[in-house]
N, C-alpha and C. Protein backbone atom coordinates (compact mmCIF):
# COMPACT_ATOMS: atom_id res chain seq x y z
N UNK A 1 8.70 0.77 -11.87
CA UNK A 1 8.76 -0.65 -11.65
C UNK A 1 8.12 -1.34 -12.87
N UNK A 2 8.69 -2.44 -13.28
CA UNK A 2 8.17 -3.15 -14.45
C UNK A 2 6.84 -3.82 -14.11
N UNK A 3 6.06 -4.08 -15.16
CA UNK A 3 4.76 -4.73 -14.96
C UNK A 3 4.92 -6.09 -14.31
N UNK A 4 5.94 -6.83 -14.73
CA UNK A 4 6.15 -8.18 -14.19
C UNK A 4 6.47 -8.13 -12.70
N UNK A 5 7.33 -7.21 -12.30
CA UNK A 5 7.68 -7.08 -10.88
C UNK A 5 6.47 -6.66 -10.06
N UNK A 6 5.69 -5.73 -10.62
CA UNK A 6 4.49 -5.28 -9.92
C UNK A 6 3.49 -6.42 -9.76
N UNK A 7 3.33 -7.22 -10.80
CA UNK A 7 2.42 -8.38 -10.74
C UNK A 7 2.94 -9.41 -9.74
N UNK A 8 4.25 -9.63 -9.68
CA UNK A 8 4.82 -10.57 -8.71
C UNK A 8 4.57 -10.08 -7.29
N UNK A 9 4.67 -8.79 -7.06
CA UNK A 9 4.38 -8.24 -5.73
C UNK A 9 2.91 -8.46 -5.36
N UNK A 10 2.05 -8.25 -6.34
CA UNK A 10 0.62 -8.47 -6.13
C UNK A 10 0.36 -9.93 -5.77
N UNK A 11 0.99 -10.85 -6.48
CA UNK A 11 0.81 -12.28 -6.22
C UNK A 11 1.38 -12.67 -4.85
N UNK A 12 2.48 -12.05 -4.46
CA UNK A 12 3.05 -12.32 -3.13
C UNK A 12 2.07 -11.86 -2.04
N UNK A 13 1.48 -10.68 -2.23
CA UNK A 13 0.50 -10.16 -1.28
C UNK A 13 -0.72 -11.09 -1.22
N UNK A 14 -1.18 -11.51 -2.38
CA UNK A 14 -2.33 -12.42 -2.49
C UNK A 14 -2.03 -13.74 -1.77
N UNK A 15 -0.85 -14.29 -2.04
CA UNK A 15 -0.45 -15.55 -1.41
C UNK A 15 -0.40 -15.40 0.11
N UNK A 16 0.11 -14.28 0.58
CA UNK A 16 0.18 -14.01 2.02
C UNK A 16 -1.23 -13.92 2.62
N UNK A 17 -2.15 -13.25 1.92
CA UNK A 17 -3.53 -13.17 2.40
C UNK A 17 -4.15 -14.56 2.48
N UNK A 18 -3.90 -15.38 1.46
CA UNK A 18 -4.46 -16.73 1.45
C UNK A 18 -3.89 -17.60 2.57
N UNK A 19 -2.60 -17.45 2.84
CA UNK A 19 -1.98 -18.25 3.89
C UNK A 19 -2.50 -17.88 5.28
N UNK A 20 -3.05 -16.69 5.42
CA UNK A 20 -3.60 -16.29 6.71
C UNK A 20 -4.98 -16.90 6.96
N UNK A 21 -5.56 -17.52 5.92
CA UNK A 21 -6.87 -18.15 6.05
C UNK A 21 -6.73 -19.59 6.54
N UNK A 22 -7.78 -20.12 7.15
CA UNK A 22 -7.76 -21.55 7.48
C UNK A 22 -7.66 -22.37 6.20
N UNK A 23 -7.07 -23.54 6.29
CA UNK A 23 -6.83 -24.38 5.12
C UNK A 23 -8.11 -24.68 4.35
N UNK A 24 -9.20 -24.92 5.02
CA UNK A 24 -10.44 -25.27 4.34
C UNK A 24 -11.09 -24.07 3.64
N UNK A 25 -10.58 -22.87 3.88
CA UNK A 25 -11.11 -21.68 3.23
C UNK A 25 -10.37 -21.31 1.96
N UNK A 26 -9.32 -22.03 1.65
CA UNK A 26 -8.49 -21.71 0.48
C UNK A 26 -9.30 -21.87 -0.81
N UNK A 27 -8.99 -21.06 -1.84
CA UNK A 27 -9.66 -21.23 -3.14
C UNK A 27 -9.41 -22.64 -3.68
N UNK A 28 -10.39 -23.15 -4.38
CA UNK A 28 -10.29 -24.49 -4.97
C UNK A 28 -10.07 -24.38 -6.46
N UNK A 29 -9.29 -25.31 -7.02
CA UNK A 29 -9.10 -25.36 -8.47
C UNK A 29 -10.30 -26.04 -9.11
N UNK A 30 -10.78 -25.46 -10.19
CA UNK A 30 -11.90 -26.05 -10.92
C UNK A 30 -11.36 -27.00 -11.99
N UNK A 31 -12.27 -27.70 -12.66
CA UNK A 31 -11.85 -28.60 -13.74
C UNK A 31 -11.17 -27.84 -14.87
N UNK A 32 -11.56 -26.59 -15.08
CA UNK A 32 -10.97 -25.76 -16.14
C UNK A 32 -9.68 -25.09 -15.68
N UNK A 33 -9.17 -25.48 -14.51
CA UNK A 33 -7.95 -24.95 -13.93
C UNK A 33 -8.10 -23.49 -13.50
N UNK A 34 -9.33 -23.08 -13.24
CA UNK A 34 -9.56 -21.76 -12.68
C UNK A 34 -9.58 -21.87 -11.16
N UNK A 35 -9.85 -20.76 -10.51
CA UNK A 35 -9.95 -20.76 -9.06
C UNK A 35 -11.37 -20.40 -8.65
N UNK A 36 -11.89 -21.09 -7.66
CA UNK A 36 -13.21 -20.82 -7.12
C UNK A 36 -13.06 -20.52 -5.64
N UNK A 37 -13.60 -19.39 -5.23
CA UNK A 37 -13.52 -19.02 -3.82
C UNK A 37 -14.56 -19.78 -3.02
N UNK A 38 -14.21 -20.10 -1.80
CA UNK A 38 -15.14 -20.78 -0.91
C UNK A 38 -15.99 -19.73 -0.19
N UNK A 39 -17.10 -20.15 0.36
CA UNK A 39 -17.99 -19.22 1.07
C UNK A 39 -17.32 -18.67 2.33
N UNK A 40 -16.42 -19.44 2.91
CA UNK A 40 -15.73 -19.01 4.14
C UNK A 40 -14.90 -17.74 3.90
N UNK A 41 -14.35 -17.59 2.68
CA UNK A 41 -13.51 -16.42 2.39
C UNK A 41 -14.32 -15.14 2.47
N UNK A 42 -15.58 -15.18 2.10
CA UNK A 42 -16.44 -13.99 2.12
C UNK A 42 -16.56 -13.38 3.51
N UNK A 43 -16.26 -14.16 4.52
CA UNK A 43 -16.36 -13.68 5.90
C UNK A 43 -15.11 -12.94 6.37
N UNK A 44 -14.05 -12.94 5.55
CA UNK A 44 -12.80 -12.33 5.96
C UNK A 44 -12.74 -10.86 5.55
N UNK A 45 -11.99 -10.04 6.31
CA UNK A 45 -11.88 -8.62 5.97
C UNK A 45 -11.15 -8.36 4.65
N UNK A 46 -10.32 -9.28 4.23
CA UNK A 46 -9.54 -9.08 3.01
C UNK A 46 -10.24 -9.67 1.78
N UNK A 47 -11.54 -9.96 1.91
CA UNK A 47 -12.28 -10.62 0.83
C UNK A 47 -12.22 -9.86 -0.49
N UNK A 48 -12.41 -8.55 -0.46
CA UNK A 48 -12.46 -7.76 -1.70
C UNK A 48 -11.15 -7.89 -2.49
N UNK A 49 -10.05 -7.82 -1.80
CA UNK A 49 -8.74 -7.93 -2.46
C UNK A 49 -8.54 -9.35 -3.01
N UNK A 50 -8.88 -10.35 -2.22
CA UNK A 50 -8.76 -11.74 -2.67
C UNK A 50 -9.64 -11.97 -3.90
N UNK A 51 -10.85 -11.44 -3.88
CA UNK A 51 -11.79 -11.59 -4.99
C UNK A 51 -11.23 -10.95 -6.27
N UNK A 52 -10.67 -9.74 -6.16
CA UNK A 52 -10.13 -9.05 -7.34
C UNK A 52 -8.99 -9.84 -7.98
N UNK A 53 -8.08 -10.32 -7.16
CA UNK A 53 -6.94 -11.07 -7.70
C UNK A 53 -7.41 -12.40 -8.29
N UNK A 54 -8.31 -13.07 -7.60
CA UNK A 54 -8.84 -14.34 -8.10
C UNK A 54 -9.54 -14.15 -9.45
N UNK A 55 -10.35 -13.10 -9.55
CA UNK A 55 -11.02 -12.81 -10.82
C UNK A 55 -10.01 -12.52 -11.93
N UNK A 56 -8.95 -11.80 -11.60
CA UNK A 56 -7.92 -11.49 -12.59
C UNK A 56 -7.22 -12.77 -13.05
N UNK A 57 -6.93 -13.67 -12.12
CA UNK A 57 -6.29 -14.95 -12.48
C UNK A 57 -7.21 -15.75 -13.39
N UNK A 58 -8.48 -15.77 -13.06
CA UNK A 58 -9.44 -16.55 -13.86
C UNK A 58 -9.66 -15.98 -15.26
N UNK A 59 -9.30 -14.74 -15.49
CA UNK A 59 -9.43 -14.15 -16.83
C UNK A 59 -8.27 -14.54 -17.75
N UNK A 60 -7.21 -15.11 -17.20
CA UNK A 60 -6.08 -15.54 -18.01
C UNK A 60 -6.45 -16.80 -18.79
N UNK A 61 -5.72 -17.06 -19.88
CA UNK A 61 -5.97 -18.31 -20.60
C UNK A 61 -5.43 -19.48 -19.76
N UNK A 62 -5.76 -20.69 -20.14
CA UNK A 62 -5.45 -21.85 -19.29
C UNK A 62 -3.95 -22.05 -19.09
N UNK A 63 -3.13 -21.81 -20.12
CA UNK A 63 -1.68 -21.97 -19.95
C UNK A 63 -1.12 -20.91 -19.01
N UNK A 64 -1.62 -19.68 -19.14
CA UNK A 64 -1.15 -18.62 -18.25
C UNK A 64 -1.57 -18.91 -16.80
N UNK A 65 -2.80 -19.39 -16.62
CA UNK A 65 -3.25 -19.75 -15.26
C UNK A 65 -2.38 -20.85 -14.68
N UNK A 66 -2.04 -21.83 -15.51
CA UNK A 66 -1.18 -22.94 -15.05
C UNK A 66 0.15 -22.41 -14.52
N UNK A 67 0.74 -21.47 -15.25
CA UNK A 67 2.02 -20.89 -14.82
C UNK A 67 1.85 -20.15 -13.50
N UNK A 68 0.86 -19.30 -13.41
CA UNK A 68 0.65 -18.50 -12.19
C UNK A 68 0.35 -19.38 -10.99
N UNK A 69 -0.55 -20.33 -11.15
CA UNK A 69 -0.95 -21.17 -10.03
C UNK A 69 0.21 -22.07 -9.59
N UNK A 70 0.91 -22.66 -10.56
CA UNK A 70 2.01 -23.56 -10.20
C UNK A 70 3.18 -22.80 -9.60
N UNK A 71 3.52 -21.66 -10.15
CA UNK A 71 4.69 -20.91 -9.69
C UNK A 71 4.43 -20.14 -8.40
N UNK A 72 3.29 -19.48 -8.32
CA UNK A 72 3.10 -18.52 -7.23
C UNK A 72 2.12 -18.94 -6.14
N UNK A 73 1.36 -19.99 -6.36
CA UNK A 73 0.32 -20.28 -5.39
C UNK A 73 0.47 -21.62 -4.67
N UNK A 74 1.49 -22.35 -4.97
CA UNK A 74 1.68 -23.61 -4.26
C UNK A 74 2.27 -23.31 -2.88
N UNK A 75 2.00 -24.18 -1.95
CA UNK A 75 2.54 -23.98 -0.60
C UNK A 75 4.06 -24.09 -0.57
N UNK A 76 4.58 -24.94 -1.45
CA UNK A 76 6.04 -25.11 -1.54
C UNK A 76 6.58 -24.16 -2.61
N UNK A 77 7.56 -23.37 -2.25
CA UNK A 77 8.18 -22.44 -3.19
C UNK A 77 8.90 -23.24 -4.26
N UNK A 78 8.61 -22.97 -5.53
CA UNK A 78 9.22 -23.70 -6.63
C UNK A 78 10.06 -22.76 -7.49
N UNK A 79 11.17 -23.25 -7.98
CA UNK A 79 11.98 -22.47 -8.91
C UNK A 79 11.34 -22.53 -10.29
N UNK A 80 11.76 -21.63 -11.16
CA UNK A 80 11.25 -21.63 -12.53
C UNK A 80 11.53 -22.96 -13.21
N UNK A 81 12.72 -23.51 -12.99
CA UNK A 81 13.11 -24.78 -13.61
C UNK A 81 12.17 -25.89 -13.15
N UNK A 82 11.88 -25.96 -11.86
CA UNK A 82 10.97 -26.98 -11.35
C UNK A 82 9.58 -26.85 -11.98
N UNK A 83 9.15 -25.61 -12.17
CA UNK A 83 7.81 -25.38 -12.73
C UNK A 83 7.75 -25.84 -14.17
N UNK A 84 8.68 -25.39 -15.02
CA UNK A 84 8.56 -25.76 -16.43
C UNK A 84 8.89 -27.23 -16.67
N UNK A 85 9.68 -27.82 -15.81
CA UNK A 85 9.94 -29.26 -15.95
C UNK A 85 8.69 -30.06 -15.53
N UNK A 86 8.01 -29.63 -14.47
CA UNK A 86 6.82 -30.37 -14.03
C UNK A 86 5.67 -30.23 -15.02
N UNK A 87 5.58 -29.08 -15.68
CA UNK A 87 4.52 -28.88 -16.67
C UNK A 87 4.89 -29.55 -17.99
N UNK A 88 6.17 -29.66 -18.25
CA UNK A 88 6.62 -30.31 -19.49
C UNK A 88 6.81 -29.35 -20.65
N UNK A 89 7.06 -28.09 -20.36
CA UNK A 89 7.29 -27.10 -21.41
C UNK A 89 8.78 -26.83 -21.56
N UNK A 90 9.13 -26.24 -22.70
CA UNK A 90 10.52 -25.84 -22.89
C UNK A 90 10.77 -24.57 -22.06
N UNK A 91 12.02 -24.31 -21.81
CA UNK A 91 12.39 -23.14 -21.01
C UNK A 91 11.91 -21.85 -21.67
N UNK A 92 12.17 -21.71 -22.97
CA UNK A 92 11.79 -20.47 -23.66
C UNK A 92 10.27 -20.29 -23.69
N UNK A 93 9.54 -21.36 -23.91
CA UNK A 93 8.07 -21.29 -23.92
C UNK A 93 7.56 -20.87 -22.54
N UNK A 94 8.12 -21.44 -21.49
CA UNK A 94 7.72 -21.10 -20.13
C UNK A 94 7.94 -19.62 -19.84
N UNK A 95 9.13 -19.11 -20.16
CA UNK A 95 9.43 -17.71 -19.85
C UNK A 95 8.55 -16.74 -20.65
N UNK A 96 8.25 -17.07 -21.89
CA UNK A 96 7.34 -16.23 -22.68
C UNK A 96 5.95 -16.23 -22.04
N UNK A 97 5.48 -17.41 -21.67
CA UNK A 97 4.16 -17.51 -21.04
C UNK A 97 4.12 -16.81 -19.68
N UNK A 98 5.17 -16.97 -18.92
CA UNK A 98 5.22 -16.35 -17.59
C UNK A 98 5.14 -14.83 -17.72
N UNK A 99 5.90 -14.28 -18.66
CA UNK A 99 5.91 -12.82 -18.86
C UNK A 99 4.52 -12.34 -19.30
N UNK A 100 3.93 -13.01 -20.27
CA UNK A 100 2.61 -12.57 -20.74
C UNK A 100 1.56 -12.78 -19.65
N UNK A 101 1.69 -13.85 -18.87
CA UNK A 101 0.74 -14.10 -17.79
C UNK A 101 0.80 -13.00 -16.73
N UNK A 102 2.00 -12.61 -16.34
CA UNK A 102 2.15 -11.57 -15.33
C UNK A 102 1.62 -10.23 -15.84
N UNK A 103 1.92 -9.89 -17.09
CA UNK A 103 1.45 -8.63 -17.65
C UNK A 103 -0.08 -8.62 -17.78
N UNK A 104 -0.64 -9.72 -18.28
CA UNK A 104 -2.09 -9.81 -18.43
C UNK A 104 -2.80 -9.83 -17.07
N UNK A 105 -2.18 -10.48 -16.09
CA UNK A 105 -2.75 -10.51 -14.74
C UNK A 105 -2.83 -9.11 -14.16
N UNK A 106 -1.76 -8.36 -14.27
CA UNK A 106 -1.74 -7.00 -13.72
C UNK A 106 -2.78 -6.13 -14.43
N UNK A 107 -2.86 -6.27 -15.73
CA UNK A 107 -3.84 -5.50 -16.50
C UNK A 107 -5.27 -5.84 -16.07
N UNK A 108 -5.57 -7.12 -15.92
CA UNK A 108 -6.91 -7.55 -15.50
C UNK A 108 -7.20 -7.09 -14.08
N UNK A 109 -6.21 -7.16 -13.20
CA UNK A 109 -6.38 -6.72 -11.81
C UNK A 109 -6.68 -5.23 -11.75
N UNK A 110 -5.91 -4.44 -12.48
CA UNK A 110 -6.13 -2.99 -12.46
C UNK A 110 -7.49 -2.63 -13.04
N UNK A 111 -7.92 -3.35 -14.08
CA UNK A 111 -9.25 -3.12 -14.65
C UNK A 111 -10.34 -3.45 -13.62
N UNK A 112 -10.16 -4.55 -12.89
CA UNK A 112 -11.11 -4.93 -11.82
C UNK A 112 -11.16 -3.85 -10.75
N UNK A 113 -10.00 -3.35 -10.38
CA UNK A 113 -9.92 -2.35 -9.32
C UNK A 113 -10.63 -1.06 -9.75
N UNK A 114 -10.40 -0.62 -10.99
CA UNK A 114 -11.05 0.59 -11.50
C UNK A 114 -12.56 0.38 -11.57
N UNK A 115 -12.97 -0.78 -12.04
CA UNK A 115 -14.40 -1.09 -12.14
C UNK A 115 -15.05 -1.08 -10.76
N UNK A 116 -14.39 -1.65 -9.77
CA UNK A 116 -14.95 -1.68 -8.40
C UNK A 116 -15.02 -0.27 -7.81
N UNK A 117 -14.02 0.57 -8.09
CA UNK A 117 -14.03 1.93 -7.58
C UNK A 117 -15.15 2.74 -8.23
N UNK A 118 -15.37 2.51 -9.53
CA UNK A 118 -16.45 3.21 -10.24
C UNK A 118 -17.80 2.80 -9.68
N UNK A 119 -17.94 1.54 -9.32
CA UNK A 119 -19.19 1.04 -8.74
C UNK A 119 -19.42 1.66 -7.37
N UNK A 120 -18.36 1.84 -6.59
CA UNK A 120 -18.50 2.44 -5.26
C UNK A 120 -18.87 3.90 -5.32
N UNK A 121 -18.41 4.61 -6.37
CA UNK A 121 -18.69 6.03 -6.51
C UNK A 121 -20.16 6.27 -6.81
N UNK A 122 -20.78 5.36 -7.56
CA UNK A 122 -22.19 5.52 -7.95
C UNK A 122 -23.08 5.45 -6.80
């Protein structure tokens, strides 16, 4: 499976976990366009997974975060065209950013997962 498809599956799983939370528990966008988890999320059984994906998203640069958050985390499903038109980017720029964002997200997520497993082993 390609890195992009694997990252999209991860984001779908993440989005599903978030939708199972009460609305007031959802991560909040910061001024820097990052995501901040609320204290309510820490009480959920899926907290570790939500934390790993959120940390991976926050490690992306601001343009990559904008693509991921706008495309995959809004309550309303948006097409690629709607996303790049709303952001004001060209189609080619959007697709290059989307690809790099998905690849970097997966890489950061896997690094987080390995780091957490190493911490548990100690």
